[in-house]
Amino acid sequence: MSRKEVPPIEAVRSFIDGKWHSDDYRIARERSGVSTYVYRVWNDKETFYLRILPEQT
């Protein structure tokens, strides 16, 4: 994936679904990542940040 190819929310959701023990969460892309893609994953009690490294081409 090049820097221009942002991972879609659906792909992030698919990854999270296999790790999160509930479907009660939300995902949003954060624009603050400089060298990584950053997604905020949260529910009413907790917030996590998932960083995805772009592939080397």
C-alpha atoms as a PDB file:
ATOM      1  CA  MET A   1       0.000   0.000   0.000  1.00  0.00           C
ATOM      2  CA  SER A   2       1.435   3.381  -0.899  1.00  0.00           C
ATOM      3  CA  ARG A   3       1.061   6.417   1.326  1.00  0.00           C
ATOM      4  CA  LYS A   4      -1.869   7.531  -0.829  1.00  0.00           C
ATOM      5  CA  GLU A   5      -3.790   4.300  -0.203  1.00  0.00           C
ATOM      6  CA  VAL A   6      -5.483   4.851   3.130  1.00  0.00           C
ATOM      7  CA  PRO A   7      -6.771   1.619   4.698  1.00  0.00           C
ATOM      8  CA  PRO A   8     -10.583   1.715   4.498  1.00  0.00           C
ATOM      9  CA  ILE A   9     -12.649   1.702   7.688  1.00  0.00           C
ATOM     10  CA  GLU A  10     -14.150  -1.642   6.597  1.00  0.00           C
ATOM     11  CA  ALA A  11     -10.695  -3.287   6.647  1.00  0.00           C
ATOM     12  CA  VAL A  12      -9.947  -1.813  10.068  1.00  0.00           C
ATOM     13  CA  ARG A  13     -13.355  -2.996  11.347  1.00  0.00           C
ATOM     14  CA  SER A  14     -12.655  -6.507  10.033  1.00  0.00           C
ATOM     15  CA  PHE A  15      -9.327  -6.548  11.888  1.00  0.00           C
ATOM     16  CA  ILE A  16     -10.869  -5.208  15.116  1.00  0.00           C
ATOM     17  CA  ASP A  17     -13.816  -7.650  14.986  1.00  0.00           C
ATOM     18  CA  GLY A  18     -11.421 -10.555  15.495  1.00  0.00           C
ATOM     19  CA  LYS A  19      -9.863  -8.951  18.570  1.00  0.00           C
ATOM     20  CA  TRP A  20     -12.587  -6.928  20.301  1.00  0.00           C
ATOM     21  CA  HIS A  21     -14.941  -8.986  22.478  1.00  0.00           C
ATOM     22  CA  SER A  22     -17.948  -6.799  21.738  1.00  0.00           C
ATOM     23  CA  ASP A  23     -19.550  -5.125  18.766  1.00  0.00           C
ATOM     24  CA  ASP A  24     -20.192  -2.013  20.873  1.00  0.00           C
ATOM     25  CA  TYR A  25     -17.443   0.217  19.498  1.00  0.00           C
ATOM     26  CA  ARG A  26     -16.865   2.986  17.005  1.00  0.00           C
ATOM     27  CA  ILE A  27     -13.969   3.680  14.638  1.00  0.00           C
ATOM     28  CA  ALA A  28     -12.768   6.978  13.224  1.00  0.00           C
ATOM     29  CA  ARG A  29      -9.675   7.900  11.269  1.00  0.00           C
ATOM     30  CA  GLU A  30      -7.412  10.404  12.996  1.00  0.00           C
ATOM     31  CA  ARG A  31      -5.579  12.837  10.730  1.00  0.00           C
ATOM     32  CA  SER A  32      -2.733  13.374  13.215  1.00  0.00           C
ATOM     33  CA  GLY A  33      -0.546  10.482  12.043  1.00  0.00           C
ATOM     34  CA  VAL A  34       2.534  11.599  10.130  1.00  0.00           C
ATOM     35  CA  SER A  35       4.319   8.354   9.302  1.00  0.00           C
ATOM     36  CA  THR A  36       1.442   5.986  10.113  1.00  0.00           C
ATOM     37  CA  TYR A  37      -2.293   5.795   9.569  1.00  0.00           C
ATOM     38  CA  VAL A  38      -4.076   6.268  12.903  1.00  0.00           C
ATOM     39  CA  TYR A  39      -7.560   5.061  13.792  1.00  0.00           C
ATOM     40  CA  ARG A  40      -9.363   5.765  17.067  1.00  0.00           C
ATOM     41  CA  VAL A  41     -11.392   2.809  18.365  1.00  0.00           C
ATOM     42  CA  TRP A  42     -13.652   3.559  21.329  1.00  0.00           C
ATOM     43  CA  ASN A  43     -16.719   2.653  23.315  1.00  0.00           C
ATOM     44  CA  ASP A  44     -18.357   4.283  26.344  1.00  0.00           C
ATOM     45  CA  LYS A  45     -15.540   3.220  28.696  1.00  0.00           C
ATOM     46  CA  GLU A  46     -12.265   3.028  26.750  1.00  0.00           C
ATOM     47  CA  THR A  47     -10.414   4.557  23.828  1.00  0.00           C
ATOM     48  CA  PHE A  48      -7.635   2.863  21.863  1.00  0.00           C
ATOM     49  CA  TYR A  49      -5.518   4.020  18.948  1.00  0.00           C
ATOM     50  CA  LEU A  50      -4.574   1.652  16.138  1.00  0.00           C
ATOM     51  CA  ARG A  51      -1.535   2.649  14.099  1.00  0.00           C
ATOM     52  CA  ILE A  52      -0.987   1.080  10.680  1.00  0.00           C
ATOM     53  CA  LEU A  53       2.377   1.360   8.968  1.00  0.00           C
ATOM     54  CA  PRO A  54       2.335   1.985   5.224  1.00  0.00           C
ATOM     55  CA  GLU A  55       4.093  -0.756   3.271  1.00  0.00           C
ATOM     56  CA  GLN A  56       7.544  -0.123   1.842  1.00  0.00           C
ATOM     57  CA  THR A  57       7.513  -0.015  -1.953  1.00  0.00           C
END
